[in-house]
N, C-alpha and C. Protein backbone atom coordinates (compact mmCIF):
# COMPACT_ATOMS: atom_id res chain seq x y z
N MET A 1 0.82 -1.19 0.00
CA MET A 1 0.00 0.00 0.00
C MET A 1 0.87 1.27 0.00
N ALA A 2 1.92 1.23 0.79
CA ALA A 2 2.81 2.39 0.85
C ALA A 2 3.44 2.65 -0.51
N ARG A 3 3.75 1.57 -1.22
CA ARG A 3 4.35 1.71 -2.54
C ARG A 3 3.38 2.36 -3.52
N ILE A 4 2.12 2.02 -3.45
CA ILE A 4 1.10 2.61 -4.32
C ILE A 4 0.95 4.09 -4.02
N ILE A 5 0.92 4.45 -2.77
CA ILE A 5 0.81 5.86 -2.38
C ILE A 5 2.04 6.64 -2.86
N PHE A 6 3.22 6.04 -2.73
CA PHE A 6 4.44 6.69 -3.19
C PHE A 6 4.38 6.96 -4.69
N TYR A 7 4.02 5.94 -5.47
CA TYR A 7 3.93 6.12 -6.93
C TYR A 7 2.85 7.12 -7.32
N LEU A 8 1.75 7.11 -6.62
CA LEU A 8 0.68 8.07 -6.90
C LEU A 8 1.14 9.49 -6.59
N ALA A 9 1.80 9.68 -5.46
CA ALA A 9 2.32 11.00 -5.10
C ALA A 9 3.38 11.45 -6.10
N PHE A 10 4.23 10.52 -6.53
CA PHE A 10 5.26 10.85 -7.52
C PHE A 10 4.63 11.26 -8.84
N LEU A 11 3.63 10.54 -9.28
CA LEU A 11 2.95 10.85 -10.54
C LEU A 11 2.29 12.23 -10.48
N ILE A 12 1.60 12.52 -9.39
CA ILE A 12 0.92 13.81 -9.25
C ILE A 12 1.94 14.95 -9.20
N SER A 13 3.00 14.80 -8.40
CA SER A 13 3.99 15.88 -8.28
C SER A 13 4.75 16.09 -9.58
N SER A 14 5.08 15.02 -10.30
CA SER A 14 5.80 15.21 -11.56
C SER A 14 4.91 15.87 -12.60
N THR A 15 3.61 15.59 -12.56
CA THR A 15 2.68 16.24 -13.48
C THR A 15 2.58 17.73 -13.17
N LEU A 16 2.49 18.07 -11.89
CA LEU A 16 2.40 19.48 -11.49
C LEU A 16 3.67 20.24 -11.84
N PHE A 17 4.82 19.67 -11.56
CA PHE A 17 6.07 20.37 -11.83
C PHE A 17 6.40 20.38 -13.32
N GLY A 18 5.84 19.45 -14.07
CA GLY A 18 6.09 19.39 -15.50
C GLY A 18 5.34 20.44 -16.28
N GLN A 19 4.30 21.00 -15.69
CA GLN A 19 3.54 22.02 -16.39
C GLN A 19 4.30 23.35 -16.35
N VAL A 20 4.34 24.00 -17.48
CA VAL A 20 5.05 25.27 -17.58
C VAL A 20 4.05 26.40 -17.35
N ASP A 21 4.47 27.38 -16.58
CA ASP A 21 3.61 28.52 -16.29
C ASP A 21 3.42 29.35 -17.55
N GLU A 22 2.19 29.38 -18.06
CA GLU A 22 1.89 30.10 -19.30
C GLU A 22 2.18 31.60 -19.17
N GLY A 23 1.88 32.17 -18.02
CA GLY A 23 2.15 33.60 -17.82
C GLY A 23 3.63 33.92 -17.96
N THR A 24 4.47 33.04 -17.45
CA THR A 24 5.91 33.23 -17.58
C THR A 24 6.33 33.14 -19.04
N GLN A 25 5.73 32.21 -19.79
CA GLN A 25 6.05 32.10 -21.22
C GLN A 25 5.63 33.36 -21.97
N VAL A 26 4.49 33.92 -21.63
CA VAL A 26 4.03 35.15 -22.28
C VAL A 26 5.01 36.28 -21.96
N LYS A 27 5.39 36.40 -20.70
CA LYS A 27 6.35 37.44 -20.30
C LYS A 27 7.67 37.26 -21.04
N ASN A 28 8.13 36.03 -21.17
CA ASN A 28 9.38 35.76 -21.89
C ASN A 28 9.26 36.17 -23.36
N THR A 29 8.08 35.97 -23.95
CA THR A 29 7.85 36.37 -25.34
C THR A 29 7.99 37.88 -25.48
N VAL A 30 7.36 38.62 -24.59
CA VAL A 30 7.45 40.09 -24.60
C VAL A 30 8.91 40.51 -24.39
N ASN A 31 9.59 39.88 -23.45
CA ASN A 31 10.99 40.22 -23.20
C ASN A 31 11.87 39.94 -24.41
N THR A 32 11.59 38.86 -25.12
CA THR A 32 12.35 38.54 -26.33
C THR A 32 12.13 39.62 -27.40
N PHE A 33 10.87 40.06 -27.54
CA PHE A 33 10.56 41.14 -28.48
C PHE A 33 11.42 42.36 -28.18
N PHE A 34 11.49 42.76 -26.89
CA PHE A 34 12.26 43.94 -26.52
C PHE A 34 13.77 43.70 -26.54
N GLU A 35 14.20 42.48 -26.35
CA GLU A 35 15.62 42.17 -26.52
C GLU A 35 16.04 42.52 -27.95
N GLY A 36 15.24 42.06 -28.92
CA GLY A 36 15.53 42.39 -30.31
C GLY A 36 15.42 43.87 -30.58
N PHE A 37 14.41 44.51 -30.00
CA PHE A 37 14.20 45.96 -30.16
C PHE A 37 15.43 46.73 -29.70
N HIS A 38 15.93 46.41 -28.51
CA HIS A 38 17.06 47.14 -27.96
C HIS A 38 18.36 46.85 -28.71
N LYS A 39 18.52 45.63 -29.18
CA LYS A 39 19.74 45.26 -29.91
C LYS A 39 19.69 45.69 -31.38
N GLY A 40 18.50 46.08 -31.85
CA GLY A 40 18.35 46.39 -33.27
C GLY A 40 18.32 45.14 -34.13
N ASP A 41 17.93 44.03 -33.54
CA ASP A 41 17.92 42.72 -34.20
C ASP A 41 16.48 42.31 -34.52
N THR A 42 16.06 42.57 -35.74
CA THR A 42 14.68 42.27 -36.12
C THR A 42 14.43 40.76 -36.25
N THR A 43 15.47 39.99 -36.43
CA THR A 43 15.31 38.53 -36.47
C THR A 43 14.82 38.02 -35.12
N ILE A 44 15.38 38.54 -34.06
CA ILE A 44 14.92 38.17 -32.71
C ILE A 44 13.46 38.60 -32.53
N MET A 45 13.14 39.81 -32.94
CA MET A 45 11.77 40.30 -32.80
C MET A 45 10.80 39.42 -33.58
N LYS A 46 11.14 39.11 -34.82
CA LYS A 46 10.25 38.31 -35.66
C LYS A 46 10.05 36.90 -35.13
N SER A 47 11.00 36.42 -34.33
CA SER A 47 10.88 35.06 -33.79
C SER A 47 9.69 34.91 -32.84
N VAL A 48 9.19 36.03 -32.32
CA VAL A 48 8.04 35.97 -31.40
C VAL A 48 6.81 36.69 -31.95
N MET A 49 6.86 37.00 -33.26
CA MET A 49 5.74 37.67 -33.90
C MET A 49 5.07 36.73 -34.89
N ALA A 50 3.74 36.83 -34.99
CA ALA A 50 3.02 36.09 -36.01
C ALA A 50 3.37 36.67 -37.38
N ASP A 51 3.08 35.90 -38.42
CA ASP A 51 3.38 36.39 -39.77
C ASP A 51 2.63 37.68 -40.09
N LYS A 52 1.39 37.77 -39.64
CA LYS A 52 0.60 38.98 -39.82
C LYS A 52 0.32 39.55 -38.43
N ILE A 53 0.75 40.77 -38.23
CA ILE A 53 0.58 41.42 -36.93
C ILE A 53 -0.05 42.79 -37.14
N VAL A 54 -0.97 43.15 -36.27
CA VAL A 54 -1.60 44.47 -36.30
C VAL A 54 -0.83 45.36 -35.32
N LEU A 55 -0.51 46.56 -35.78
CA LEU A 55 0.26 47.50 -34.98
C LEU A 55 -0.45 48.85 -34.99
N GLN A 56 -0.77 49.36 -33.79
CA GLN A 56 -1.47 50.64 -33.67
C GLN A 56 -0.88 51.46 -32.54
N THR A 57 -1.12 52.78 -32.64
CA THR A 57 -0.75 53.72 -31.59
C THR A 57 -1.94 54.63 -31.32
N ALA A 58 -2.22 54.84 -30.05
CA ALA A 58 -3.28 55.76 -29.63
C ALA A 58 -2.64 56.90 -28.84
N TYR A 59 -3.00 58.12 -29.20
CA TYR A 59 -2.45 59.27 -28.49
C TYR A 59 -3.40 60.46 -28.62
N ARG A 60 -3.13 61.51 -27.89
CA ARG A 60 -3.87 62.76 -27.97
C ARG A 60 -2.96 63.81 -28.58
N ASN A 61 -3.42 64.44 -29.66
CA ASN A 61 -2.57 65.44 -30.32
C ASN A 61 -2.57 66.77 -29.54
N LYS A 62 -1.82 67.74 -30.04
CA LYS A 62 -1.67 69.02 -29.34
C LYS A 62 -2.98 69.78 -29.21
N GLU A 63 -3.92 69.51 -30.11
CA GLU A 63 -5.24 70.16 -30.06
C GLU A 63 -6.20 69.45 -29.12
N GLY A 64 -5.75 68.35 -28.51
CA GLY A 64 -6.58 67.61 -27.57
C GLY A 64 -7.47 66.55 -28.22
N LYS A 65 -7.24 66.29 -29.50
CA LYS A 65 -8.03 65.29 -30.20
C LYS A 65 -7.39 63.91 -30.05
N ASP A 66 -8.23 62.90 -29.74
CA ASP A 66 -7.73 61.54 -29.63
C ASP A 66 -7.52 60.95 -31.02
N ILE A 67 -6.35 60.38 -31.22
CA ILE A 67 -5.93 59.88 -32.53
C ILE A 67 -5.58 58.39 -32.40
N LEU A 68 -6.01 57.60 -33.39
CA LEU A 68 -5.62 56.20 -33.50
C LEU A 68 -4.94 56.02 -34.85
N VAL A 69 -3.70 55.55 -34.81
CA VAL A 69 -2.91 55.39 -36.03
C VAL A 69 -2.65 53.91 -36.26
N ASN A 70 -2.93 53.45 -37.47
CA ASN A 70 -2.55 52.11 -37.89
C ASN A 70 -1.15 52.18 -38.47
N ASP A 71 -0.25 51.41 -37.90
CA ASP A 71 1.14 51.43 -38.35
C ASP A 71 1.46 50.16 -39.15
N ASP A 72 2.47 50.27 -39.98
CA ASP A 72 2.95 49.14 -40.77
C ASP A 72 4.12 48.51 -40.02
N ILE A 73 3.99 47.23 -39.69
CA ILE A 73 5.04 46.56 -38.93
C ILE A 73 6.37 46.58 -39.68
N GLN A 74 6.32 46.52 -41.00
CA GLN A 74 7.56 46.53 -41.77
C GLN A 74 8.30 47.86 -41.62
N LYS A 75 7.55 48.96 -41.51
CA LYS A 75 8.19 50.27 -41.28
C LYS A 75 8.90 50.29 -39.94
N LEU A 76 8.27 49.72 -38.92
CA LEU A 76 8.90 49.65 -37.60
C LEU A 76 10.15 48.79 -37.66
N LEU A 77 10.06 47.63 -38.28
CA LEU A 77 11.22 46.74 -38.37
C LEU A 77 12.36 47.39 -39.15
N ASN A 78 12.03 48.10 -40.22
CA ASN A 78 13.05 48.81 -40.99
C ASN A 78 13.71 49.90 -40.17
N ALA A 79 12.91 50.63 -39.40
CA ALA A 79 13.46 51.70 -38.55
C ALA A 79 14.40 51.12 -37.50
N ILE A 80 14.05 49.99 -36.96
CA ILE A 80 14.89 49.36 -35.94
C ILE A 80 16.17 48.82 -36.57
N ALA A 81 16.04 48.16 -37.71
CA ALA A 81 17.21 47.58 -38.38
C ALA A 81 18.17 48.65 -38.89
N ASN A 82 17.65 49.82 -39.23
CA ASN A 82 18.48 50.89 -39.81
C ASN A 82 18.74 52.03 -38.83
N ARG A 83 18.49 51.80 -37.57
CA ARG A 83 18.73 52.84 -36.56
C ARG A 83 20.21 53.18 -36.53
N PRO A 84 20.54 54.47 -36.52
CA PRO A 84 21.95 54.87 -36.46
C PRO A 84 22.62 54.31 -35.20
N SER A 85 23.85 53.92 -35.32
CA SER A 85 24.56 53.30 -34.20
C SER A 85 24.72 54.23 -33.00
N ASP A 86 24.62 55.55 -33.24
CA ASP A 86 24.77 56.50 -32.13
C ASP A 86 23.43 56.78 -31.43
N GLN A 87 22.36 56.13 -31.87
CA GLN A 87 21.07 56.29 -31.21
C GLN A 87 20.80 55.10 -30.30
N LYS A 88 20.44 55.41 -29.06
CA LYS A 88 20.09 54.37 -28.11
C LYS A 88 18.60 54.49 -27.80
N TRP A 89 17.84 53.46 -28.13
CA TRP A 89 16.41 53.41 -27.81
C TRP A 89 16.25 52.49 -26.61
N ASP A 90 15.71 53.01 -25.54
CA ASP A 90 15.57 52.24 -24.31
C ASP A 90 14.13 52.32 -23.83
N GLU A 91 13.37 51.28 -24.13
CA GLU A 91 11.99 51.21 -23.63
C GLU A 91 12.01 50.39 -22.35
N ARG A 92 11.74 51.06 -21.24
CA ARG A 92 11.81 50.44 -19.93
C ARG A 92 10.41 50.02 -19.49
N LEU A 93 10.20 48.71 -19.43
CA LEU A 93 8.91 48.19 -18.97
C LEU A 93 8.85 48.30 -17.46
N LEU A 94 7.78 48.91 -16.97
CA LEU A 94 7.65 49.19 -15.54
C LEU A 94 6.90 48.10 -14.79
N ASP A 95 6.11 47.31 -15.51
CA ASP A 95 5.29 46.29 -14.86
C ASP A 95 4.75 45.35 -15.94
N TYR A 96 4.21 44.24 -15.51
CA TYR A 96 3.53 43.30 -16.40
C TYR A 96 2.22 42.90 -15.75
N ASN A 97 1.15 43.00 -16.51
CA ASN A 97 -0.13 42.44 -16.10
C ASN A 97 -0.52 41.47 -17.20
N ILE A 98 -0.43 40.19 -16.90
CA ILE A 98 -0.62 39.16 -17.91
C ILE A 98 -1.87 38.35 -17.59
N GLN A 99 -2.68 38.18 -18.60
CA GLN A 99 -3.89 37.35 -18.49
C GLN A 99 -3.84 36.30 -19.58
N VAL A 100 -4.15 35.05 -19.21
CA VAL A 100 -4.10 33.94 -20.15
C VAL A 100 -5.41 33.17 -20.08
N ASP A 101 -5.94 32.84 -21.24
CA ASP A 101 -7.09 31.95 -21.33
C ASP A 101 -6.85 30.99 -22.49
N GLY A 102 -6.43 29.78 -22.16
CA GLY A 102 -6.17 28.80 -23.20
C GLY A 102 -5.03 29.24 -24.09
N ASN A 103 -5.32 29.42 -25.38
CA ASN A 103 -4.28 29.79 -26.34
C ASN A 103 -4.27 31.28 -26.68
N MET A 104 -4.92 32.08 -25.83
CA MET A 104 -4.93 33.53 -26.02
C MET A 104 -4.41 34.20 -24.74
N ALA A 105 -3.65 35.28 -24.94
CA ALA A 105 -3.12 36.00 -23.78
C ALA A 105 -3.02 37.48 -24.09
N ASN A 106 -3.01 38.28 -23.02
CA ASN A 106 -2.80 39.71 -23.10
C ASN A 106 -1.71 40.08 -22.11
N ALA A 107 -0.78 40.92 -22.56
CA ALA A 107 0.24 41.46 -21.66
C ALA A 107 0.14 42.98 -21.71
N TRP A 108 -0.13 43.58 -20.58
CA TRP A 108 -0.28 45.03 -20.42
C TRP A 108 0.99 45.51 -19.74
N THR A 109 1.76 46.35 -20.43
CA THR A 109 3.07 46.73 -19.91
C THR A 109 3.26 48.25 -19.94
N PRO A 110 3.04 48.92 -18.82
CA PRO A 110 3.39 50.34 -18.76
C PRO A 110 4.89 50.52 -19.00
N TYR A 111 5.25 51.64 -19.63
CA TYR A 111 6.66 51.83 -20.00
C TYR A 111 7.05 53.30 -19.96
N GLU A 112 8.35 53.51 -19.96
CA GLU A 112 8.97 54.81 -20.22
C GLU A 112 9.92 54.62 -21.39
N PHE A 113 9.96 55.57 -22.30
CA PHE A 113 10.86 55.49 -23.44
C PHE A 113 11.93 56.56 -23.30
N TRP A 114 13.17 56.14 -23.39
CA TRP A 114 14.33 57.01 -23.27
C TRP A 114 15.12 56.97 -24.57
N LEU A 115 15.45 58.13 -25.10
CA LEU A 115 16.24 58.25 -26.31
C LEU A 115 17.59 58.84 -25.93
N ASN A 116 18.66 58.06 -26.13
CA ASN A 116 20.01 58.50 -25.75
C ASN A 116 20.05 58.98 -24.30
N ASP A 117 19.46 58.21 -23.43
CA ASP A 117 19.43 58.47 -21.98
C ASP A 117 18.65 59.73 -21.59
N THR A 118 17.82 60.25 -22.51
CA THR A 118 16.96 61.38 -22.22
C THR A 118 15.51 60.91 -22.31
N PHE A 119 14.73 61.22 -21.27
CA PHE A 119 13.33 60.80 -21.28
C PHE A 119 12.61 61.41 -22.48
N SER A 120 11.84 60.58 -23.19
CA SER A 120 11.08 61.02 -24.34
C SER A 120 9.58 61.01 -24.06
N HIS A 121 9.05 59.86 -23.65
CA HIS A 121 7.61 59.74 -23.41
C HIS A 121 7.33 58.47 -22.61
N CYS A 122 6.07 58.32 -22.24
CA CYS A 122 5.65 57.13 -21.51
C CYS A 122 4.33 56.65 -22.10
N GLY A 123 3.85 55.54 -21.60
CA GLY A 123 2.57 55.01 -22.05
C GLY A 123 2.40 53.57 -21.61
N VAL A 124 1.57 52.87 -22.35
CA VAL A 124 1.29 51.46 -22.08
C VAL A 124 1.33 50.71 -23.40
N ASN A 125 1.92 49.52 -23.38
CA ASN A 125 1.82 48.59 -24.49
C ASN A 125 0.75 47.56 -24.12
N SER A 126 -0.06 47.19 -25.09
CA SER A 126 -0.99 46.09 -24.91
C SER A 126 -0.71 45.07 -26.00
N PHE A 127 -0.15 43.94 -25.59
CA PHE A 127 0.18 42.86 -26.51
C PHE A 127 -0.94 41.82 -26.47
N GLN A 128 -1.42 41.42 -27.63
CA GLN A 128 -2.31 40.27 -27.74
C GLN A 128 -1.46 39.15 -28.32
N LEU A 129 -1.55 37.99 -27.70
CA LEU A 129 -0.74 36.86 -28.14
C LEU A 129 -1.62 35.64 -28.38
N PHE A 130 -1.15 34.78 -29.27
CA PHE A 130 -1.82 33.53 -29.60
C PHE A 130 -0.78 32.42 -29.47
N LYS A 131 -1.17 31.33 -28.82
CA LYS A 131 -0.25 30.20 -28.69
C LYS A 131 -0.43 29.30 -29.90
N ASP A 132 0.57 29.34 -30.76
CA ASP A 132 0.56 28.59 -32.00
C ASP A 132 1.31 27.28 -31.76
N GLY A 133 0.61 26.26 -31.32
CA GLY A 133 1.27 25.00 -30.95
C GLY A 133 1.94 25.16 -29.61
N GLU A 134 3.27 25.22 -29.61
CA GLU A 134 4.01 25.32 -28.35
C GLU A 134 4.48 26.73 -28.05
N ASN A 135 4.40 27.65 -29.01
CA ASN A 135 5.00 28.98 -28.84
C ASN A 135 3.96 30.08 -28.84
N TRP A 136 4.17 31.05 -27.96
CA TRP A 136 3.35 32.25 -27.94
C TRP A 136 3.86 33.20 -29.01
N LYS A 137 2.94 33.74 -29.81
CA LYS A 137 3.29 34.70 -30.86
C LYS A 137 2.48 35.97 -30.67
N ILE A 138 3.12 37.10 -30.88
CA ILE A 138 2.43 38.39 -30.81
C ILE A 138 1.63 38.56 -32.09
N ILE A 139 0.33 38.82 -31.92
CA ILE A 139 -0.54 39.00 -33.09
C ILE A 139 -1.04 40.44 -33.20
N TYR A 140 -0.97 41.19 -32.10
CA TYR A 140 -1.49 42.55 -32.09
C TYR A 140 -0.76 43.34 -31.02
N LEU A 141 -0.36 44.55 -31.38
CA LEU A 141 0.30 45.44 -30.42
C LEU A 141 -0.23 46.84 -30.61
N ILE A 142 -0.75 47.38 -29.52
CA ILE A 142 -1.18 48.78 -29.50
C ILE A 142 -0.48 49.45 -28.33
N ASP A 143 -0.06 50.68 -28.54
CA ASP A 143 0.57 51.41 -27.45
C ASP A 143 -0.02 52.81 -27.36
N THR A 144 0.10 53.38 -26.18
CA THR A 144 -0.25 54.79 -25.97
C THR A 144 1.05 55.56 -25.79
N ARG A 145 0.98 56.86 -26.07
CA ARG A 145 2.17 57.71 -25.92
C ARG A 145 1.73 59.05 -25.36
N ARG A 146 2.44 59.48 -24.33
CA ARG A 146 2.16 60.79 -23.75
C ARG A 146 3.39 61.30 -23.02
N ARG A 147 3.38 62.60 -22.80
CA ARG A 147 4.49 63.22 -22.06
C ARG A 147 4.02 63.88 -20.78
N SER A 148 2.85 64.51 -20.85
CA SER A 148 2.45 65.40 -19.76
C SER A 148 1.91 64.69 -18.53
N THR A 149 1.41 63.46 -18.66
CA THR A 149 0.80 62.81 -17.49
C THR A 149 1.58 61.59 -17.03
N CYS A 150 2.83 61.48 -17.38
CA CYS A 150 3.63 60.34 -16.96
C CYS A 150 3.72 60.28 -15.44
N GLY A 151 3.52 59.09 -14.93
CA GLY A 151 3.58 58.90 -13.47
C GLY A 151 2.34 59.31 -12.75
N LYS A 152 1.31 59.79 -13.45
CA LYS A 152 0.08 60.26 -12.79
C LYS A 152 -1.09 59.32 -13.05
N ASP A 153 -0.91 58.35 -13.96
CA ASP A 153 -2.00 57.43 -14.29
C ASP A 153 -1.84 56.11 -13.61
């Protein structure tokens, strides 16, 4: 009887420890995206992006009008790949709020953006991810950008 209980406990514990935390995988996907972003390596970025990705930015213009811009991911990738070597882009993620439901996830990441060690703007990234088999892929990214209310929201 003791042997049966031992094997049962072993089976249950190995099953529990064998499961990978999906939230951690989502966070690692976002971190990989920014690793490529900071290094200027679009191959790293593309490794965690779906083939078709939606990219948008929401902001308020100087006249106070709310604007939503649809961006072309290829333009972003080209800008990163061709960034001058004397430019340092540093997007500092301040937090992660990750929600997972099956093969869909959202990562909400407030950030500050620094250009050559000078503060530029802040906002929030909202990543939508899809688990394509074993890997999480970014399928949608929208960010906000602002200067005047940083640290107040």
